[in-house]
Amino acid sequence: MLRRATSSIRVDDGLVLRPASSIHVFEIIEAFEETWPDVIRAMPWINPDKEINAQIENFVQETERKGRAGLLHHWVMVRPWDEFILGLVGFDRVTRSNRAVWNLGYWVRSSEQQHGIARKSIDAALGWLGQIEDLAVELKVDPKNEAGRHTVMRTVRNWGGERCIEGDSAITVAGVRTLHECHIIEVGPGKGS
């Protein structure tokens, strides 16, 4: 697997993906608070019994450091004309199947949902990841999360992905364990939605 630093992606005139960094912490926390408690599904590592701002700040600092080294890739979804943070999209290495090397995660703040931001951001991030080599990416979703399942299934369909039962895993979110379905998408040069 080749490593490269996370770089900005211009999706269209209304959406830019910028590498998540410490300069975005305040706006990410603001978006997180707007979307609470639903956002915790996208960030199951958040412990609601501990101070959340510090957890997010630590996450962003680690993401920024590892993004420069190509070990993680996370972007803030930004409306370019006013720098408004719309959400996050990214890849980590927490995979459950034996096939994928990356796991995709995303969330969009409540006020910006239902506008195609997740779809466009996911497609752009998958395209970026697959620019230089063939890779497999996991997408996991709680089957009870209808909006998330719709987004994942659309992505799997458009990218020619498939269900991967071996990657199904129980994920604890706010103390509740839920079995998440796993899907795999192959990305690479010449592949795309």
Protein backbone atom coordinates (compact mmCIF):
# COMPACT_ATOMS: atom_id res chain seq x y z
CA MET A 1 0.00 0.00 0.00
CA LEU A 2 1.41 3.36 -1.06
CA ARG A 3 1.31 6.22 1.43
CA ARG A 4 0.63 9.84 0.63
CA ALA A 5 -0.38 12.84 2.66
CA THR A 6 -4.04 13.82 2.76
CA SER A 7 -4.64 16.67 0.32
CA SER A 8 -7.55 18.98 -0.51
CA ILE A 9 -10.21 17.86 -2.98
CA ARG A 10 -12.40 20.29 -4.89
CA VAL A 11 -15.69 18.43 -5.33
CA ASP A 12 -17.67 21.21 -7.04
CA ASP A 13 -18.38 24.94 -6.68
CA GLY A 14 -20.26 24.33 -3.43
CA LEU A 15 -18.09 21.73 -1.73
CA VAL A 16 -14.41 21.32 -0.92
CA LEU A 17 -12.81 18.59 1.19
CA ARG A 18 -9.90 19.93 3.24
CA PRO A 19 -7.58 17.81 5.38
CA ALA A 20 -8.93 17.89 8.94
CA SER A 21 -6.62 19.97 11.10
CA SER A 22 -6.46 21.76 14.42
CA ILE A 23 -7.65 25.00 12.82
CA HIS A 24 -11.05 23.31 12.34
CA VAL A 25 -11.54 22.04 15.90
CA PHE A 26 -13.97 24.73 17.05
CA GLU A 27 -16.15 24.37 13.93
CA ILE A 28 -16.09 20.55 14.13
CA ILE A 29 -17.21 20.70 17.76
CA GLU A 30 -19.98 23.14 16.79
CA ALA A 31 -21.17 20.80 14.02
CA PHE A 32 -20.89 17.83 16.37
CA GLU A 33 -23.03 19.55 19.01
CA GLU A 34 -25.65 20.45 16.38
CA THR A 35 -25.92 16.82 15.32
CA TRP A 36 -25.85 15.26 18.81
CA PRO A 37 -26.74 12.49 19.59
CA ASP A 38 -27.00 11.06 16.05
CA VAL A 39 -23.39 11.89 15.23
CA ILE A 40 -22.17 9.37 17.78
CA ARG A 41 -23.11 6.60 15.30
CA ALA A 42 -20.32 7.87 13.05
CA MET A 43 -17.86 8.23 15.94
CA PRO A 44 -18.53 5.25 18.23
CA TRP A 45 -15.24 5.82 20.05
CA ILE A 46 -16.74 8.96 21.67
CA ASN A 47 -17.45 8.30 25.33
CA PRO A 48 -20.53 10.38 26.25
CA ASP A 49 -19.58 10.12 29.95
CA LYS A 50 -16.35 12.06 29.36
CA GLU A 51 -15.74 15.62 28.23
CA ILE A 52 -16.52 15.53 24.50
CA ASN A 53 -14.61 18.61 23.34
CA ALA A 54 -11.29 17.17 24.52
CA GLN A 55 -12.03 13.86 22.77
CA ILE A 56 -12.76 15.63 19.49
CA GLU A 57 -9.69 17.83 19.83
CA ASN A 58 -7.49 14.75 20.41
CA PHE A 59 -9.11 13.00 17.43
CA VAL A 60 -8.44 15.97 15.13
CA GLN A 61 -4.82 16.31 16.31
CA GLU A 62 -4.17 12.60 15.73
CA THR A 63 -5.93 12.74 12.37
CA GLU A 64 -3.85 15.73 11.28
CA ARG A 65 -0.57 14.10 12.33
CA LYS A 66 -1.37 10.73 10.76
CA GLY A 67 -2.86 12.40 7.66
CA ARG A 68 0.48 14.06 6.93
CA ALA A 69 2.10 10.60 7.13
CA GLY A 70 -0.57 8.92 4.99
CA LEU A 71 -1.68 6.65 7.83
CA LEU A 72 -5.21 8.09 8.05
CA HIS A 73 -7.18 10.34 5.72
CA HIS A 74 -9.91 12.61 7.10
CA TRP A 75 -11.38 15.70 5.51
CA VAL A 76 -13.71 18.40 6.70
CA MET A 77 -16.53 19.02 4.24
CA VAL A 78 -16.43 22.78 3.63
CA ARG A 79 -18.73 25.23 1.85
CA PRO A 80 -16.01 27.29 0.15
CA TRP A 81 -17.63 30.72 0.00
CA ASP A 82 -17.97 31.07 3.79
CA GLU A 83 -15.75 28.21 5.11
CA PHE A 84 -18.76 26.66 6.87
CA ILE A 85 -18.03 23.10 8.09
CA LEU A 86 -20.65 20.68 6.78
CA GLY A 87 -19.26 17.44 8.20
CA LEU A 88 -16.40 14.94 8.04
CA VAL A 89 -15.45 12.10 5.73
CA GLY A 90 -12.44 9.86 6.05
CA PHE A 91 -10.63 6.57 6.08
CA ASP A 92 -9.05 4.71 8.97
CA ARG A 93 -7.41 1.30 9.19
CA VAL A 94 -10.02 -0.31 11.49
CA THR A 95 -11.22 -3.09 9.20
CA ARG A 96 -12.96 -6.33 10.07
CA SER A 97 -12.66 -8.32 6.85
CA ASN A 98 -9.49 -9.88 5.50
CA ARG A 99 -10.00 -8.05 2.20
CA ALA A 100 -10.01 -4.32 2.95
CA VAL A 101 -7.15 -2.06 3.99
CA TRP A 102 -9.29 1.03 4.65
CA ASN A 103 -12.60 1.70 6.40
CA LEU A 104 -14.77 4.63 5.27
CA GLY A 105 -16.64 6.82 7.73
CA TYR A 106 -18.59 10.05 7.38
CA TRP A 107 -21.16 12.34 8.95
CA VAL A 108 -22.96 15.49 7.89
CA ARG A 109 -24.28 18.08 10.35
CA SER A 110 -28.05 18.00 10.83
CA SER A 111 -28.82 21.29 9.09
CA GLU A 112 -27.02 20.17 5.91
CA GLN A 113 -28.40 16.65 5.52
CA GLN A 114 -30.57 15.61 2.56
CA HIS A 115 -28.60 17.77 0.09
CA GLY A 116 -26.26 15.16 -1.43
CA ILE A 117 -23.25 16.30 0.58
CA ALA A 118 -22.47 12.82 1.94
CA ARG A 119 -22.85 11.24 -1.51
CA LYS A 120 -20.58 13.78 -3.23
CA SER A 121 -18.00 13.70 -0.45
CA ILE A 122 -17.85 9.91 -0.33
CA ASP A 123 -17.48 9.66 -4.11
CA ALA A 124 -14.71 12.30 -4.14
CA ALA A 125 -12.83 10.67 -1.24
CA LEU A 126 -13.08 7.19 -2.82
CA GLY A 127 -11.88 8.63 -6.14
CA TRP A 128 -8.93 10.32 -4.42
CA LEU A 129 -7.98 7.14 -2.55
CA GLY A 130 -8.04 5.10 -5.76
CA GLN A 131 -6.01 7.51 -7.90
CA ILE A 132 -2.71 5.67 -7.56
CA GLU A 133 -3.42 2.03 -6.73
CA ASP A 134 -6.08 -0.67 -6.44
CA LEU A 135 -7.45 -0.98 -2.90
CA ALA A 136 -10.42 -2.47 -1.09
CA VAL A 137 -12.46 -0.25 1.24
CA GLU A 138 -14.98 -1.32 3.88
CA LEU A 139 -18.21 0.53 4.52
CA LYS A 140 -20.02 -0.53 7.68
CA VAL A 141 -23.55 0.54 8.54
CA ASP A 142 -26.09 -0.01 11.25
CA PRO A 143 -29.04 -1.63 9.39
CA LYS A 144 -31.43 0.33 11.65
CA ASN A 145 -29.97 3.65 10.48
CA GLU A 146 -32.16 4.11 7.40
CA ALA A 147 -30.46 7.25 6.06
CA GLY A 148 -26.99 5.81 6.58
CA ARG A 149 -27.99 2.49 5.03
CA HIS A 150 -29.43 4.29 2.00
CA THR A 151 -26.19 6.24 1.52
CA VAL A 152 -24.01 3.14 1.89
CA MET A 153 -26.17 1.03 -0.44
CA ARG A 154 -26.16 3.77 -3.09
CA THR A 155 -22.36 3.99 -2.83
CA VAL A 156 -21.95 0.20 -3.01
CA ARG A 157 -24.26 0.02 -6.04
CA ASN A 158 -22.60 2.92 -7.89
CA TRP A 159 -19.06 1.69 -7.22
CA GLY A 160 -19.80 -1.98 -8.03
CA GLY A 161 -19.25 -3.10 -4.46
CA GLU A 162 -20.62 -6.10 -2.65
CA ARG A 163 -21.79 -7.36 0.72
CA CYS A 164 -19.03 -8.83 2.90
CA ILE A 165 -20.58 -10.87 5.72
CA GLU A 166 -17.16 -11.80 7.13
CA GLY A 167 -16.67 -8.12 7.96
CA ASP A 168 -19.91 -7.74 9.93
CA SER A 169 -19.14 -6.64 13.46
CA ALA A 170 -20.85 -5.57 16.65
CA ILE A 171 -20.06 -1.94 17.40
CA THR A 172 -20.82 -0.31 20.72
CA VAL A 173 -22.35 3.16 20.43
CA ALA A 174 -23.19 4.94 23.68
CA GLY A 175 -23.21 1.63 25.54
CA VAL A 176 -25.44 -0.24 23.06
CA ARG A 177 -23.96 -3.01 20.90
CA THR A 178 -25.38 -3.25 17.40
CA LEU A 179 -24.34 -5.57 14.58
CA HIS A 180 -23.16 -3.45 11.64
CA GLU A 181 -23.28 -4.78 8.09
CA CYS A 182 -20.07 -4.67 6.07
CA HIS A 183 -19.76 -3.90 2.37
CA ILE A 184 -16.62 -3.78 0.22
CA ILE A 185 -15.76 -1.44 -2.64
CA GLU A 186 -12.74 -1.79 -4.89
CA VAL A 187 -11.13 1.49 -5.92
CA GLY A 188 -8.21 2.16 -8.21
CA PRO A 189 -7.06 3.94 -11.35
CA GLY A 190 -9.83 3.82 -13.93
CA LYS A 191 -12.43 2.66 -11.42
CA GLY A 192 -15.16 4.89 -10.11
CA SER A 193 -18.80 5.61 -9.70
